[in-house]
Amino acid sequence: MVRYALQRYNGDTSRVFVTGASSGAVFAGVPASCFATTDGSSWNSACANGQLNRTPREWGDLVRAAYPGHSGARPRVPLVHGTDDDTLRHPNFTEEIEQWTDVHRPDQPDHHDRQPAR
């Protein structure tokens, strides 16, 4: 994928970096604000295990609440999640998709027509 993008867009190979992050960043395997806890702990098992099942509007509202004064465009977010991740379970992927779809297209119906996570 990186090689393709470099060739297609005439990228500079000396400016390509790979980084990793644990949960806490929007691209790190869980929806934004999923790990927020009320007791100040740094780990949220319900989030990690994909047990937080919110509507797209509820997830989107968490993003909007993070910077309530923002009225401009928001960046597109690439989402990738493996099905064999034993730390941050795969149901989080669907929740992330719903969240960022709502952030970018809040005029869409707010429905949750999928099977609950197992």
N, C-alpha and C. Protein backbone atom coordinates (compact mmCIF):
# COMPACT_ATOMS: atom_id res chain seq x y z
N MET A 1 0.82 -1.17 0.00
CA MET A 1 0.00 0.00 0.00
C MET A 1 0.88 1.25 0.00
N VAL A 2 1.90 1.26 0.84
CA VAL A 2 2.79 2.42 0.91
C VAL A 2 3.54 2.58 -0.41
N ARG A 3 4.05 1.49 -0.92
CA ARG A 3 4.79 1.53 -2.18
C ARG A 3 3.88 2.06 -3.31
N TYR A 4 2.65 1.60 -3.35
CA TYR A 4 1.69 2.06 -4.36
C TYR A 4 1.48 3.58 -4.25
N ALA A 5 1.24 4.05 -3.03
CA ALA A 5 1.00 5.48 -2.84
C ALA A 5 2.22 6.31 -3.23
N LEU A 6 3.40 5.82 -2.87
CA LEU A 6 4.62 6.54 -3.24
C LEU A 6 4.76 6.66 -4.75
N GLN A 7 4.50 5.56 -5.45
CA GLN A 7 4.61 5.57 -6.91
C GLN A 7 3.51 6.41 -7.54
N ARG A 8 2.30 6.21 -7.09
CA ARG A 8 1.14 6.89 -7.69
C ARG A 8 1.19 8.40 -7.50
N TYR A 9 1.65 8.84 -6.33
CA TYR A 9 1.63 10.27 -6.02
C TYR A 9 3.02 10.89 -5.96
N ASN A 10 3.99 10.17 -6.50
CA ASN A 10 5.36 10.66 -6.57
C ASN A 10 5.85 11.10 -5.17
N GLY A 11 5.67 10.20 -4.22
CA GLY A 11 6.05 10.50 -2.83
C GLY A 11 7.54 10.46 -2.60
N ASP A 12 7.94 11.07 -1.54
CA ASP A 12 9.34 11.14 -1.13
C ASP A 12 9.59 10.04 -0.09
N THR A 13 10.34 9.00 -0.45
CA THR A 13 10.57 7.86 0.45
C THR A 13 11.30 8.26 1.73
N SER A 14 12.01 9.36 1.72
CA SER A 14 12.72 9.79 2.93
C SER A 14 11.77 10.44 3.94
N ARG A 15 10.50 10.61 3.54
CA ARG A 15 9.54 11.24 4.43
C ARG A 15 8.41 10.30 4.83
N VAL A 16 8.66 9.00 4.74
CA VAL A 16 7.66 8.01 5.12
C VAL A 16 8.04 7.47 6.50
N PHE A 17 7.09 7.50 7.41
CA PHE A 17 7.33 7.02 8.77
C PHE A 17 6.23 6.05 9.15
N VAL A 18 6.57 5.10 9.96
CA VAL A 18 5.60 4.16 10.50
C VAL A 18 5.59 4.35 12.00
N THR A 19 4.42 4.44 12.55
CA THR A 19 4.30 4.65 13.99
C THR A 19 3.21 3.74 14.54
N GLY A 20 3.25 3.51 15.78
CA GLY A 20 2.22 2.71 16.43
C GLY A 20 1.71 3.47 17.63
N ALA A 21 0.55 3.11 18.07
CA ALA A 21 -0.04 3.75 19.24
C ALA A 21 -0.96 2.77 19.92
N SER A 22 -1.01 2.88 21.20
CA SER A 22 -1.98 2.09 21.93
C SER A 22 -3.30 2.83 21.88
N SER A 23 -4.32 2.26 22.40
CA SER A 23 -5.64 2.90 22.36
C SER A 23 -5.58 4.27 23.00
N GLY A 24 -6.38 5.12 22.50
CA GLY A 24 -6.39 6.49 22.98
C GLY A 24 -6.38 7.43 21.80
N ALA A 25 -5.92 6.93 20.67
CA ALA A 25 -5.99 7.70 19.43
C ALA A 25 -7.13 7.13 18.61
N VAL A 26 -7.76 7.97 17.82
CA VAL A 26 -8.93 7.55 17.07
C VAL A 26 -8.65 6.37 16.15
N PHE A 27 -7.44 6.24 15.70
CA PHE A 27 -7.09 5.17 14.77
C PHE A 27 -6.54 3.95 15.47
N ALA A 28 -6.66 3.88 16.78
CA ALA A 28 -5.99 2.83 17.54
C ALA A 28 -6.92 1.71 18.00
N GLY A 29 -7.93 1.40 17.24
CA GLY A 29 -8.70 0.19 17.51
C GLY A 29 -9.99 0.34 18.27
N VAL A 30 -10.33 1.53 18.72
CA VAL A 30 -11.59 1.75 19.41
C VAL A 30 -12.16 3.11 19.00
N PRO A 31 -13.47 3.30 19.17
CA PRO A 31 -14.03 4.61 18.86
C PRO A 31 -13.46 5.70 19.77
N ALA A 32 -13.46 6.92 19.27
CA ALA A 32 -13.01 8.06 20.08
C ALA A 32 -13.88 8.15 21.32
N SER A 33 -13.25 8.36 22.47
CA SER A 33 -13.88 8.47 23.78
C SER A 33 -14.35 7.14 24.35
N CYS A 34 -14.09 6.05 23.68
CA CYS A 34 -14.49 4.73 24.17
C CYS A 34 -13.80 4.41 25.49
N PHE A 35 -12.55 4.79 25.63
CA PHE A 35 -11.80 4.45 26.83
C PHE A 35 -12.06 5.40 28.00
N ALA A 36 -12.88 6.42 27.79
CA ALA A 36 -13.17 7.36 28.88
C ALA A 36 -13.82 6.62 30.04
N THR A 37 -13.32 6.88 31.24
CA THR A 37 -13.88 6.26 32.44
C THR A 37 -14.25 7.34 33.43
N THR A 38 -15.15 7.02 34.33
CA THR A 38 -15.55 7.99 35.35
C THR A 38 -14.68 7.91 36.59
N ASP A 39 -13.94 6.82 36.74
CA ASP A 39 -13.12 6.66 37.95
C ASP A 39 -11.65 7.03 37.74
N GLY A 40 -11.29 7.51 36.55
CA GLY A 40 -9.93 7.94 36.30
C GLY A 40 -8.97 6.82 35.97
N SER A 41 -9.46 5.59 35.89
CA SER A 41 -8.57 4.48 35.55
C SER A 41 -8.13 4.59 34.10
N SER A 42 -7.04 3.96 33.77
CA SER A 42 -6.52 4.06 32.41
C SER A 42 -6.95 2.91 31.52
N TRP A 43 -7.68 1.94 32.05
CA TRP A 43 -8.11 0.80 31.24
C TRP A 43 -9.61 0.63 31.38
N ASN A 44 -10.27 0.38 30.28
CA ASN A 44 -11.71 0.19 30.26
C ASN A 44 -11.98 -1.15 29.58
N SER A 45 -12.21 -2.17 30.36
CA SER A 45 -12.40 -3.52 29.81
C SER A 45 -13.61 -3.61 28.89
N ALA A 46 -14.70 -2.93 29.23
CA ALA A 46 -15.89 -2.99 28.38
C ALA A 46 -15.57 -2.43 27.00
N CYS A 47 -14.79 -1.36 26.97
CA CYS A 47 -14.38 -0.79 25.68
C CYS A 47 -13.47 -1.76 24.94
N ALA A 48 -12.43 -2.21 25.59
CA ALA A 48 -11.46 -3.10 24.94
C ALA A 48 -12.12 -4.36 24.39
N ASN A 49 -13.09 -4.88 25.14
CA ASN A 49 -13.75 -6.12 24.71
C ASN A 49 -14.88 -5.89 23.72
N GLY A 50 -15.08 -4.66 23.28
CA GLY A 50 -16.10 -4.39 22.27
C GLY A 50 -17.51 -4.51 22.81
N GLN A 51 -17.70 -4.23 24.09
CA GLN A 51 -19.01 -4.37 24.71
C GLN A 51 -19.79 -3.07 24.77
N LEU A 52 -19.18 -1.97 24.36
CA LEU A 52 -19.89 -0.69 24.34
C LEU A 52 -20.57 -0.54 22.99
N ASN A 53 -21.86 -0.66 22.99
CA ASN A 53 -22.64 -0.64 21.76
C ASN A 53 -23.55 0.58 21.81
N ARG A 54 -23.11 1.65 21.15
CA ARG A 54 -23.88 2.90 21.12
C ARG A 54 -24.41 3.13 19.72
N THR A 55 -25.35 4.03 19.61
CA THR A 55 -25.86 4.39 18.29
C THR A 55 -24.82 5.25 17.58
N PRO A 56 -24.88 5.31 16.27
CA PRO A 56 -23.95 6.19 15.55
C PRO A 56 -24.03 7.63 16.06
N ARG A 57 -25.23 8.12 16.35
CA ARG A 57 -25.38 9.50 16.83
C ARG A 57 -24.70 9.68 18.18
N GLU A 58 -24.84 8.71 19.08
CA GLU A 58 -24.19 8.81 20.39
C GLU A 58 -22.67 8.85 20.24
N TRP A 59 -22.11 7.99 19.38
CA TRP A 59 -20.66 8.01 19.15
C TRP A 59 -20.25 9.33 18.52
N GLY A 60 -21.00 9.78 17.52
CA GLY A 60 -20.67 11.03 16.85
C GLY A 60 -20.73 12.22 17.79
N ASP A 61 -21.69 12.21 18.71
CA ASP A 61 -21.80 13.30 19.68
C ASP A 61 -20.56 13.37 20.57
N LEU A 62 -19.95 12.23 20.87
CA LEU A 62 -18.73 12.24 21.68
C LEU A 62 -17.59 12.94 20.94
N VAL A 63 -17.51 12.72 19.64
CA VAL A 63 -16.49 13.42 18.85
C VAL A 63 -16.78 14.92 18.83
N ARG A 64 -18.02 15.27 18.56
CA ARG A 64 -18.38 16.69 18.50
C ARG A 64 -18.17 17.37 19.85
N ALA A 65 -18.42 16.67 20.95
CA ALA A 65 -18.26 17.25 22.28
C ALA A 65 -16.80 17.47 22.65
N ALA A 66 -15.89 16.76 21.99
CA ALA A 66 -14.47 16.92 22.29
C ALA A 66 -13.97 18.31 21.91
N TYR A 67 -14.63 18.94 20.96
CA TYR A 67 -14.27 20.30 20.53
C TYR A 67 -15.55 20.99 20.10
N PRO A 68 -16.38 21.38 21.06
CA PRO A 68 -17.71 21.89 20.74
C PRO A 68 -17.73 23.17 19.90
N GLY A 69 -16.67 23.93 19.92
CA GLY A 69 -16.65 25.17 19.15
C GLY A 69 -16.27 24.99 17.69
N HIS A 70 -15.90 23.79 17.32
CA HIS A 70 -15.45 23.54 15.94
C HIS A 70 -16.63 23.52 14.99
N SER A 71 -16.52 24.27 13.90
CA SER A 71 -17.61 24.29 12.92
C SER A 71 -17.13 23.96 11.51
N GLY A 72 -15.85 23.66 11.37
CA GLY A 72 -15.30 23.37 10.06
C GLY A 72 -15.32 21.89 9.73
N ALA A 73 -14.61 21.56 8.67
CA ALA A 73 -14.52 20.17 8.24
C ALA A 73 -13.69 19.36 9.22
N ARG A 74 -13.92 18.09 9.23
CA ARG A 74 -13.12 17.17 10.05
C ARG A 74 -12.39 16.22 9.11
N PRO A 75 -11.23 15.77 9.52
CA PRO A 75 -10.45 14.90 8.61
C PRO A 75 -11.10 13.54 8.43
N ARG A 76 -10.87 12.95 7.27
CA ARG A 76 -11.28 11.57 7.06
C ARG A 76 -10.37 10.69 7.91
N VAL A 77 -10.91 9.59 8.36
CA VAL A 77 -10.16 8.72 9.26
C VAL A 77 -10.05 7.33 8.64
N PRO A 78 -8.83 6.86 8.39
CA PRO A 78 -8.70 5.49 7.89
C PRO A 78 -8.86 4.51 9.05
N LEU A 79 -9.71 3.52 8.87
CA LEU A 79 -9.97 2.55 9.93
C LEU A 79 -9.60 1.16 9.45
N VAL A 80 -8.78 0.47 10.22
CA VAL A 80 -8.37 -0.90 9.92
C VAL A 80 -8.38 -1.65 11.24
N HIS A 81 -8.92 -2.85 11.23
CA HIS A 81 -8.95 -3.63 12.47
C HIS A 81 -8.96 -5.11 12.14
N GLY A 82 -8.00 -5.83 12.67
CA GLY A 82 -7.93 -7.26 12.44
C GLY A 82 -8.97 -8.03 13.23
N THR A 83 -9.41 -9.15 12.71
CA THR A 83 -10.42 -9.94 13.40
C THR A 83 -9.84 -10.80 14.51
N ASP A 84 -8.55 -10.96 14.56
CA ASP A 84 -7.92 -11.80 15.59
C ASP A 84 -7.27 -10.99 16.70
N ASP A 85 -7.63 -9.74 16.86
CA ASP A 85 -7.06 -8.90 17.90
C ASP A 85 -7.66 -9.31 19.24
N ASP A 86 -6.84 -9.86 20.12
CA ASP A 86 -7.33 -10.33 21.42
C ASP A 86 -7.32 -9.25 22.49
N THR A 87 -6.77 -8.08 22.19
CA THR A 87 -6.72 -7.00 23.17
C THR A 87 -7.85 -6.00 22.93
N LEU A 88 -8.01 -5.58 21.71
CA LEU A 88 -9.08 -4.66 21.33
C LEU A 88 -9.98 -5.39 20.35
N ARG A 89 -11.04 -5.93 20.83
CA ARG A 89 -11.88 -6.84 20.07
C ARG A 89 -12.52 -6.20 18.83
N HIS A 90 -12.78 -7.05 17.86
CA HIS A 90 -13.27 -6.63 16.54
C HIS A 90 -14.59 -5.86 16.55
N PRO A 91 -15.54 -6.09 17.48
CA PRO A 91 -16.77 -5.28 17.45
C PRO A 91 -16.51 -3.78 17.50
N ASN A 92 -15.36 -3.38 18.02
CA ASN A 92 -15.01 -1.95 18.04
C ASN A 92 -14.92 -1.37 16.64
N PHE A 93 -14.57 -2.20 15.68
CA PHE A 93 -14.44 -1.72 14.29
C PHE A 93 -15.78 -1.19 13.78
N THR A 94 -16.84 -1.95 14.03
CA THR A 94 -18.17 -1.51 13.59
C THR A 94 -18.56 -0.22 14.30
N GLU A 95 -18.26 -0.14 15.59
CA GLU A 95 -18.59 1.07 16.34
C GLU A 95 -17.83 2.27 15.80
N GLU A 96 -16.56 2.08 15.44
CA GLU A 96 -15.76 3.17 14.86
C GLU A 96 -16.36 3.63 13.53
N ILE A 97 -16.74 2.67 12.69
CA ILE A 97 -17.33 3.01 11.40
C ILE A 97 -18.60 3.83 11.60
N GLU A 98 -19.44 3.38 12.52
CA GLU A 98 -20.67 4.11 12.80
C GLU A 98 -20.37 5.52 13.31
N GLN A 99 -19.39 5.62 14.19
CA GLN A 99 -19.04 6.92 14.76
C GLN A 99 -18.61 7.91 13.68
N TRP A 100 -17.67 7.51 12.86
CA TRP A 100 -17.12 8.45 11.89
C TRP A 100 -18.04 8.67 10.71
N THR A 101 -18.93 7.72 10.43
CA THR A 101 -19.96 7.97 9.42
C THR A 101 -20.89 9.06 9.93
N ASP A 102 -21.26 8.99 11.20
CA ASP A 102 -22.13 10.01 11.77
C ASP A 102 -21.43 11.36 11.83
N VAL A 103 -20.15 11.38 12.16
CA VAL A 103 -19.41 12.65 12.24
C VAL A 103 -19.40 13.32 10.86
N HIS A 104 -19.18 12.54 9.82
CA HIS A 104 -19.09 13.12 8.48
C HIS A 104 -20.44 13.28 7.80
N ARG A 105 -21.42 12.51 8.21
CA ARG A 105 -22.74 12.57 7.57
C ARG A 105 -23.83 12.50 8.64
N PRO A 106 -23.92 13.52 9.49
CA PRO A 106 -24.88 13.48 10.60
C PRO A 106 -26.34 13.49 10.16
N ASP A 107 -26.59 13.73 8.88
CA ASP A 107 -27.95 13.74 8.37
C ASP A 107 -28.48 12.34 8.07
N GLN A 108 -27.65 11.32 8.26
CA GLN A 108 -28.07 9.94 7.98
C GLN A 108 -28.97 9.44 9.11
N PRO A 109 -29.86 8.50 8.79
CA PRO A 109 -30.70 7.92 9.85
C PRO A 109 -29.83 7.30 10.94
N ASP A 110 -30.25 7.45 12.15
CA ASP A 110 -29.50 6.93 13.29
C ASP A 110 -30.07 5.57 13.68
N HIS A 111 -29.65 4.54 12.97
CA HIS A 111 -30.16 3.21 13.28
C HIS A 111 -29.01 2.26 13.56
N HIS A 112 -29.34 1.20 14.20
CA HIS A 112 -28.37 0.20 14.65
C HIS A 112 -28.91 -1.15 14.23
N ASP A 113 -28.90 -1.45 12.94
CA ASP A 113 -29.59 -2.65 12.45
C ASP A 113 -28.66 -3.84 12.26
N ARG A 114 -27.75 -4.03 13.18
CA ARG A 114 -26.86 -5.18 13.08
C ARG A 114 -27.05 -6.05 14.31
N GLN A 115 -26.53 -7.25 14.25
CA GLN A 115 -26.61 -8.16 15.37
C GLN A 115 -25.70 -7.68 16.48
N PRO A 116 -26.09 -7.87 17.75
CA PRO A 116 -25.22 -7.47 18.86
C PRO A 116 -23.91 -8.25 18.82
N ALA A 117 -22.88 -7.65 19.37
CA ALA A 117 -21.56 -8.31 19.44
C ALA A 117 -21.68 -9.58 20.28
N ARG A 118 -20.94 -10.60 19.87
CA ARG A 118 -20.96 -11.86 20.63
C ARG A 118 -19.65 -12.08 21.30
